[in-house]
Protein backbone atom coordinates (compact mmCIF):
# COMPACT_ATOMS: atom_id res chain seq x y z
CA MET A 1 15.29 -19.54 -29.46
CA LYS A 2 14.31 -15.83 -28.84
CA LYS A 3 13.23 -14.85 -25.31
CA GLU A 4 9.77 -13.25 -25.25
CA PHE A 5 11.15 -9.67 -24.70
CA ASP A 6 13.12 -9.91 -27.82
CA THR A 7 10.30 -10.64 -30.18
CA PRO A 8 9.52 -7.78 -32.55
CA GLU A 9 5.82 -7.62 -31.18
CA ARG A 10 7.21 -7.12 -27.50
CA VAL A 11 9.64 -4.62 -28.32
CA LEU A 12 7.28 -2.44 -30.38
CA ALA A 13 4.84 -2.77 -27.62
CA GLU A 14 7.44 -1.56 -25.14
CA ILE A 15 8.41 1.39 -27.25
CA ARG A 16 4.65 2.40 -27.66
CA ASP A 17 4.44 2.26 -23.82
CA ILE A 18 7.46 4.54 -23.48
CA TYR A 19 6.15 7.15 -25.81
CA ALA A 20 2.47 6.85 -25.01
CA ASP A 21 2.45 9.24 -22.07
CA GLN A 22 3.70 12.90 -22.87
CA ASP A 23 3.93 13.82 -19.07
CA THR A 24 7.09 11.70 -18.47
CA ASP A 25 9.41 11.28 -15.67
CA LEU A 26 13.22 11.68 -15.99
CA GLU A 27 13.74 8.05 -16.17
CA THR A 28 11.51 7.70 -19.15
CA ARG A 29 12.99 10.61 -20.93
CA LEU A 30 16.50 9.18 -20.41
CA VAL A 31 15.23 5.95 -22.04
CA ARG A 32 13.65 7.64 -25.17
CA GLU A 33 17.20 9.33 -25.54
CA LEU A 34 18.62 5.84 -25.82
CA ILE A 35 16.26 4.58 -28.07
CA VAL A 36 16.83 7.59 -30.39
CA HIS A 37 20.61 6.97 -30.25
CA ALA A 38 20.14 3.39 -31.05
CA LEU A 39 18.19 4.38 -34.11
CA LYS A 40 20.79 7.05 -35.15
CA CYS A 41 23.52 4.14 -35.46
CA ARG A 42 21.49 2.71 -38.09
CA ARG A 43 20.75 6.24 -39.75
CA ASP A 44 24.64 6.87 -39.66
CA HIS A 45 25.33 3.58 -41.23
CA LEU A 46 27.94 2.70 -38.58
CA GLU A 47 30.29 -0.07 -39.52
CA VAL A 48 29.70 -3.58 -38.16
CA LEU A 49 32.37 -3.41 -35.55
CA ASP A 50 31.10 -0.06 -34.32
CA LEU A 51 27.82 -1.60 -33.65
CA LYS A 52 29.01 -4.73 -32.06
CA VAL A 53 31.25 -2.73 -29.66
CA LEU A 54 28.13 -0.59 -28.86
CA GLY A 55 25.89 -3.31 -28.30
CA ARG A 56 28.32 -5.20 -25.97
CA VAL A 57 29.11 -2.13 -24.21
CA MET A 58 25.45 -1.40 -23.47
CA ALA A 59 24.88 -5.00 -22.56
CA GLU A 60 27.71 -5.15 -19.85
CA PHE A 61 26.80 -1.70 -18.38
CA ARG A 62 23.15 -2.79 -17.98
CA TYR A 63 23.93 -6.00 -16.64
CA ALA A 64 26.63 -4.56 -14.11
CA ALA A 65 24.40 -1.70 -13.00
CA ARG A 66 21.54 -4.25 -12.33
CA VAL A 67 23.80 -6.15 -10.16
CA PHE A 68 24.99 -3.29 -8.06
CA LYS A 69 21.74 -1.43 -7.83
CA PRO A 70 20.42 -3.19 -4.90
CA TYR A 71 23.70 -2.31 -2.67
CA ARG A 72 24.09 1.20 -3.74
CA ASP A 73 22.81 2.34 -0.29
CA ARG A 74 26.27 0.87 1.16
CA ARG A 75 29.51 2.41 0.76
CA LYS A 76 32.20 0.23 -1.22
CA VAL A 77 35.91 0.27 -1.61
CA SER A 78 37.69 -0.74 -4.43
CA ILE A 79 40.88 -2.74 -3.77
CA PHE A 80 43.84 -3.11 -6.53
CA GLY A 81 47.08 -5.08 -6.38
CA SER A 82 48.89 -7.72 -7.84
CA ALA A 83 47.40 -11.05 -9.11
CA ARG A 84 50.73 -12.74 -8.39
CA THR A 85 51.03 -12.09 -4.60
CA PRO A 86 51.23 -15.35 -2.83
CA GLU A 87 48.85 -16.19 -0.02
CA ASP A 88 51.80 -16.09 2.64
CA ASP A 89 53.18 -12.62 1.58
CA PRO A 90 52.69 -10.13 4.37
CA TYR A 91 51.00 -7.75 1.54
CA TYR A 92 48.30 -10.45 1.29
CA LEU A 93 47.64 -10.95 4.76
CA MET A 94 47.49 -7.12 5.22
CA ALA A 95 44.76 -6.93 2.44
CA VAL A 96 42.91 -9.76 4.02
CA ASP A 97 42.89 -7.83 7.39
CA PHE A 98 42.17 -4.46 5.65
CA ALA A 99 39.00 -6.02 4.02
CA ARG A 100 37.84 -7.70 6.99
CA LYS A 101 37.86 -4.51 9.09
CA LEU A 102 35.95 -2.63 6.20
CA ALA A 103 33.25 -5.21 6.36
CA ASP A 104 33.12 -4.95 10.22
CA GLU A 105 32.45 -1.34 9.78
CA GLY A 106 29.66 -1.84 7.07
CA PHE A 107 31.58 -1.35 3.95
CA MET A 108 31.68 -3.81 0.98
CA VAL A 109 34.68 -4.32 -1.25
CA ILE A 110 35.01 -4.57 -4.96
CA THR A 111 37.97 -6.37 -6.54
CA GLY A 112 39.19 -7.52 -9.73
CA ALA A 113 38.28 -11.11 -8.72
CA ALA A 114 41.44 -12.81 -9.50
CA GLU A 115 44.10 -14.14 -7.34
CA GLY A 116 46.59 -12.42 -5.19
CA ILE A 117 45.60 -9.19 -3.62
CA MET A 118 42.11 -9.39 -5.31
CA LYS A 119 41.42 -12.91 -3.60
CA ALA A 120 42.75 -11.39 -0.40
CA GLY A 121 40.27 -8.60 -0.45
CA ASN A 122 37.31 -11.19 -1.24
CA VAL A 123 38.67 -13.49 1.55
CA GLY A 124 38.75 -10.66 4.24
CA ALA A 125 35.39 -9.06 3.35
CA GLY A 126 33.78 -12.63 2.53
CA ALA A 127 31.45 -13.36 -0.30
CA GLU A 128 28.56 -11.70 1.28
CA ASP A 129 30.35 -8.25 1.50
CA SER A 130 32.30 -8.49 -1.95
CA PHE A 131 31.82 -7.76 -5.64
CA GLY A 132 34.00 -9.29 -8.11
CA VAL A 133 34.62 -7.37 -11.39
CA ASN A 134 36.51 -9.87 -13.63
CA ILE A 135 37.93 -9.19 -16.99
CA LEU A 136 38.20 -11.70 -20.11
CA LEU A 137 41.97 -12.44 -20.39
CA PRO A 138 43.92 -15.05 -21.94
CA PHE A 139 45.97 -15.49 -18.54
CA GLU A 140 45.76 -14.50 -14.94
CA GLN A 141 42.34 -13.79 -14.81
CA SER A 142 39.91 -16.66 -13.77
CA ALA A 143 37.61 -15.74 -11.03
CA ASN A 144 39.11 -16.89 -7.49
CA THR A 145 37.18 -19.53 -5.33
CA VAL A 146 35.60 -16.68 -3.00
CA ILE A 147 33.49 -14.83 -5.49
CA GLY A 148 33.74 -17.45 -8.39
CA ASP A 149 30.03 -18.68 -7.78
CA ASP A 150 28.70 -15.49 -6.18
CA PRO A 151 25.86 -13.57 -8.14
CA LYS A 152 27.79 -10.52 -7.61
CA LEU A 153 30.59 -11.65 -9.85
CA ILE A 154 30.62 -9.64 -13.19
CA THR A 155 32.78 -10.49 -16.13
CA PHE A 156 33.46 -7.70 -18.67
CA LYS A 157 35.02 -7.87 -22.26
CA TYR A 158 36.02 -4.17 -22.26
CA PHE A 159 38.61 -2.63 -19.62
CA PHE A 160 37.02 0.85 -19.94
CA VAL A 161 33.59 -0.48 -18.84
CA ARG A 162 35.25 -2.29 -16.00
CA LYS A 163 37.06 0.48 -14.84
CA LEU A 164 34.19 2.74 -15.02
CA PHE A 165 32.19 0.48 -12.40
CA PHE A 166 35.29 0.28 -10.27
CA LEU A 167 35.18 3.95 -9.70
CA MET A 168 31.56 4.90 -10.13
CA GLU A 169 30.32 2.29 -7.47
CA ALA A 170 33.08 3.32 -5.09
CA SER A 171 33.51 5.66 -2.21
CA SER A 172 37.10 4.99 -1.73
CA VAL A 173 39.97 3.18 -3.49
CA ALA A 174 42.95 1.32 -1.97
CA LEU A 175 46.05 0.16 -3.93
CA PHE A 176 48.46 -2.50 -2.66
CA PRO A 177 51.67 -3.24 -4.42
CA GLY A 178 51.01 -4.44 -7.94
CA GLY A 179 52.15 -4.11 -11.57
CA PHE A 180 50.99 -1.96 -14.52
CA GLY A 181 47.32 -2.52 -14.12
CA THR A 182 47.52 -1.50 -10.57
CA HIS A 183 49.59 1.79 -11.16
CA ASP A 184 47.05 2.42 -14.31
CA GLU A 185 44.16 2.24 -11.75
CA GLY A 186 46.02 4.51 -9.34
CA PHE A 187 46.88 7.17 -12.03
CA GLU A 188 43.42 7.13 -13.48
CA THR A 189 41.95 7.68 -10.16
CA LEU A 190 44.07 10.48 -9.28
CA THR A 191 43.48 12.23 -12.80
CA LEU A 192 39.66 11.79 -12.57
CA ILE A 193 39.64 13.43 -8.97
CA GLN A 194 42.22 15.82 -9.74
CA THR A 195 40.10 17.04 -12.85
CA GLY A 196 36.60 16.86 -11.14
CA LYS A 197 35.44 13.99 -13.37
CA ALA A 198 35.05 11.81 -10.33
CA PRO A 199 33.89 13.12 -6.90
CA PRO A 200 36.36 13.50 -4.03
CA MET A 201 37.14 10.14 -2.32
CA PRO A 202 39.86 8.68 -0.26
CA LEU A 203 42.61 7.19 -2.28
CA LEU A 204 44.93 4.87 -0.06
CA TYR A 205 48.31 3.72 -0.92
CA MET A 206 48.98 0.61 1.61
CA ASP A 207 52.62 0.14 2.37
CA LEU A 208 53.80 -2.19 5.22
CA PRO A 209 55.68 -0.56 7.99
CA GLY A 210 59.36 -0.11 6.77
CA GLU A 211 58.67 -0.86 3.12
CA ASP A 212 58.95 1.82 0.29
CA TYR A 213 56.87 0.65 -2.48
CA TRP A 214 54.44 3.55 -2.42
CA SER A 215 56.76 5.81 -0.37
CA SER A 216 59.08 5.63 -3.54
CA PHE A 217 56.18 6.56 -5.59
CA ASP A 218 55.40 9.47 -3.70
CA ARG A 219 59.22 10.75 -3.90
CA PHE A 220 58.84 10.35 -7.69
CA VAL A 221 55.72 12.43 -7.57
CA ARG A 222 57.23 15.07 -5.47
CA ASP A 223 60.75 15.01 -7.04
CA GLN A 224 59.70 14.93 -10.64
CA LEU A 225 56.10 16.22 -11.07
CA LEU A 226 55.93 18.59 -8.42
CA LYS A 227 59.46 20.20 -8.77
CA ARG A 228 58.77 20.48 -12.37
CA HIS A 229 55.59 22.30 -11.74
CA LEU A 230 53.74 19.54 -13.68
CA ILE A 231 51.23 19.40 -10.59
CA SER A 232 50.45 21.42 -7.64
CA GLU A 233 51.27 21.14 -4.15
CA ARG A 234 47.59 20.41 -3.11
CA ASP A 235 47.43 17.69 -5.71
CA THR A 236 49.77 15.75 -3.48
CA LYS A 237 47.09 15.75 -0.73
CA LEU A 238 44.68 13.65 -3.00
CA TYR A 239 46.19 10.42 -1.73
CA LYS A 240 47.35 8.94 1.51
CA ILE A 241 50.18 6.44 2.40
CA CYS A 242 48.90 4.22 5.12
CA THR A 243 51.07 1.50 6.70
CA THR A 244 48.40 -0.48 8.87
CA PRO A 245 44.87 -1.83 7.68
CA GLN A 246 43.44 0.29 10.65
CA GLU A 247 44.92 3.49 9.39
CA GLY A 248 43.22 3.18 6.22
CA VAL A 249 39.83 2.16 7.57
CA ASP A 250 39.94 5.15 9.87
CA TYR A 251 40.89 7.44 7.15
CA ILE A 252 37.83 6.51 5.22
CA LYS A 253 35.51 6.62 8.04
CA PHE A 254 36.88 10.16 8.74
CA PHE A 255 36.18 11.00 5.27
CA TYR A 256 32.50 10.22 5.50
CA SER A 257 32.19 11.45 9.01
CA THR A 258 30.34 14.66 8.37
CA TYR A 259 30.70 14.72 4.61
CA HIS A 260 28.07 12.56 2.75
CA SER A 261 28.20 13.23 -0.93
CA MET A 262 27.97 15.99 -3.48
CA ARG A 263 26.06 16.84 -6.63
CA PHE A 264 26.28 19.69 -9.29
CA VAL A 265 22.86 21.44 -9.85
CA ARG A 266 23.85 23.55 -13.02
CA ASP A 267 26.55 25.80 -11.64
CA ARG A 268 25.87 25.19 -7.90
CA LEU A 269 27.69 22.63 -5.86
CA VAL A 270 25.41 20.83 -3.26
CA ILE A 271 27.45 19.33 -0.39
CA ARG A 272 25.04 16.73 1.27
CA LEU A 273 26.15 16.38 5.33
CA GLU A 274 25.71 13.69 7.92
CA LYS A 275 25.11 16.27 10.49
CA GLU A 276 24.39 20.21 10.31
CA LEU A 277 27.43 22.35 10.97
CA SER A 278 27.07 25.48 13.30
CA ASP A 279 26.74 29.03 11.73
CA SER A 280 30.25 29.94 13.11
CA ASP A 281 31.80 26.81 11.21
CA VAL A 282 30.11 27.65 7.99
CA GLY A 283 31.38 31.17 8.21
CA VAL A 284 34.97 29.59 8.82
CA LEU A 285 34.39 27.80 5.60
CA ALA A 286 33.09 30.65 3.74
CA ASN A 287 36.14 32.66 4.61
CA GLU A 288 38.68 30.09 4.17
CA TYR A 289 37.28 28.65 0.86
CA ALA A 290 36.30 32.03 -0.73
CA ASP A 291 38.38 31.46 -3.57
CA LEU A 292 36.10 28.63 -4.58
CA VAL A 293 33.21 30.72 -4.84
CA LYS A 294 32.36 32.28 -8.14
CA LYS A 295 29.55 34.43 -6.58
CA GLY A 296 27.84 34.71 -3.28
CA ALA A 297 29.09 32.46 -0.49
CA ILE A 298 28.87 29.11 1.10
CA GLU A 299 25.49 28.80 2.70
CA LYS A 300 23.43 26.23 4.24
CA THR A 301 20.35 25.04 2.51
CA GLY A 302 17.77 22.23 2.33
CA PRO A 303 17.43 19.71 -0.40
CA LEU A 304 17.02 21.62 -3.80
CA HIS A 305 14.09 20.86 -6.10
CA GLU A 306 16.36 19.37 -8.54
CA GLU A 307 17.34 16.59 -6.14
CA SER A 308 13.92 15.20 -5.94
CA ASN A 309 15.01 12.02 -7.45
CA GLU A 310 17.09 11.32 -4.69
CA PRO A 311 14.40 11.42 -1.63
CA GLU A 312 16.41 9.08 0.46
CA LEU A 313 18.78 11.93 1.05
CA ASP A 314 16.11 14.59 1.89
CA ASP A 315 17.05 14.50 5.45
CA LYS A 316 20.66 15.48 4.90
CA PRO A 317 21.72 18.93 5.80
CA ARG A 318 23.25 20.73 2.84
CA LEU A 319 26.03 23.37 2.01
CA VAL A 320 25.67 25.10 -1.48
CA LEU A 321 28.08 27.46 -3.35
CA THR A 322 28.41 28.63 -7.03
CA LEU A 323 31.67 26.92 -7.66
CA ASN A 324 34.20 28.56 -9.89
CA ARG A 325 35.39 24.88 -11.02
CA GLN A 326 39.09 25.99 -11.25
CA SER A 327 40.38 23.69 -8.70
CA PRO A 328 38.93 20.18 -7.90
CA SER A 329 41.82 19.58 -5.56
CA ARG A 330 40.89 22.62 -3.45
CA VAL A 331 37.35 21.09 -3.15
CA HIS A 332 38.96 17.83 -1.71
CA GLU A 333 40.62 20.26 0.96
CA LEU A 334 37.14 21.69 1.58
CA ILE A 335 35.77 18.31 2.43
CA VAL A 336 38.42 17.74 4.66
CA SER A 337 37.87 20.89 6.52
CA ILE A 338 34.24 19.97 6.80
CA ASN A 339 34.91 16.79 8.39
CA GLU A 340 37.51 18.47 10.95
CA LEU A 341 34.85 20.96 11.64
CA GLY A 342 32.36 18.23 12.35
CA ARG A 343 34.44 16.23 14.94
């Protein structure tokens, strides 16, 4: 039996409401675009498989966004690692401690909801401060007992939609030892930050003292990628190897101590701050990071008109610059400098 919303009469009524007012807000205009794209799928005579994938992707995205929406005022850390790590393993215990410390500082955690390191993250933070983004697999991926019955558990069919939410909702990413999936998530995060497709964020590689799981990865990056000039020296600063849970938590807190968030308004980069920097500090930044500026300089500003859809951030001091977009890794360095000046 169809739900009331799915009846033709109800659907047509909703569409009429959406198109009734010509003086629309941004949200309504975007919904109109979604309707038009759906109709174009029919016009283009897409194959049945294409339509099935598009429909499932939209349904998964809509549901996941609805689950995350009430918690978007809280920072979250995505935790990756092997599902095969036993509960008496030192890395499992490290992940529990790390997640517990994050929750104590007001952060939430996002894990893949399975066993091993993922369960450790949910155990440490507790169900109240956890999200689980599960994936339908023929093995290894049933939800763990901590998050299994929680409304913040989301199960995806498609990896790419799941991966989108792992990063879109996160303010930081922490990787514990794991297999192909863990390295896939780590390299994707690095790539998106390096290319500017994801905002700068702390990317942590968690190694136990005396272990070399991630330090050997770092050696590979430097001995192969860097020496062959396949990456730049500043790209190696996009991640940090931490050997204690507290070190990881402290670095995340430092990264967001003065810096809050960023947003592009056409060709201008707007950096929102937790506290205002002095004129002399802004002068230091303008001089040190002049290479990032396409024209003008780094300047203080209030909220721009284009940011009116984020009124909850109106009280944040801003820095604005016309970014040349040549080096997202350099923007990462700028944020670190902002935090150092704001200490």
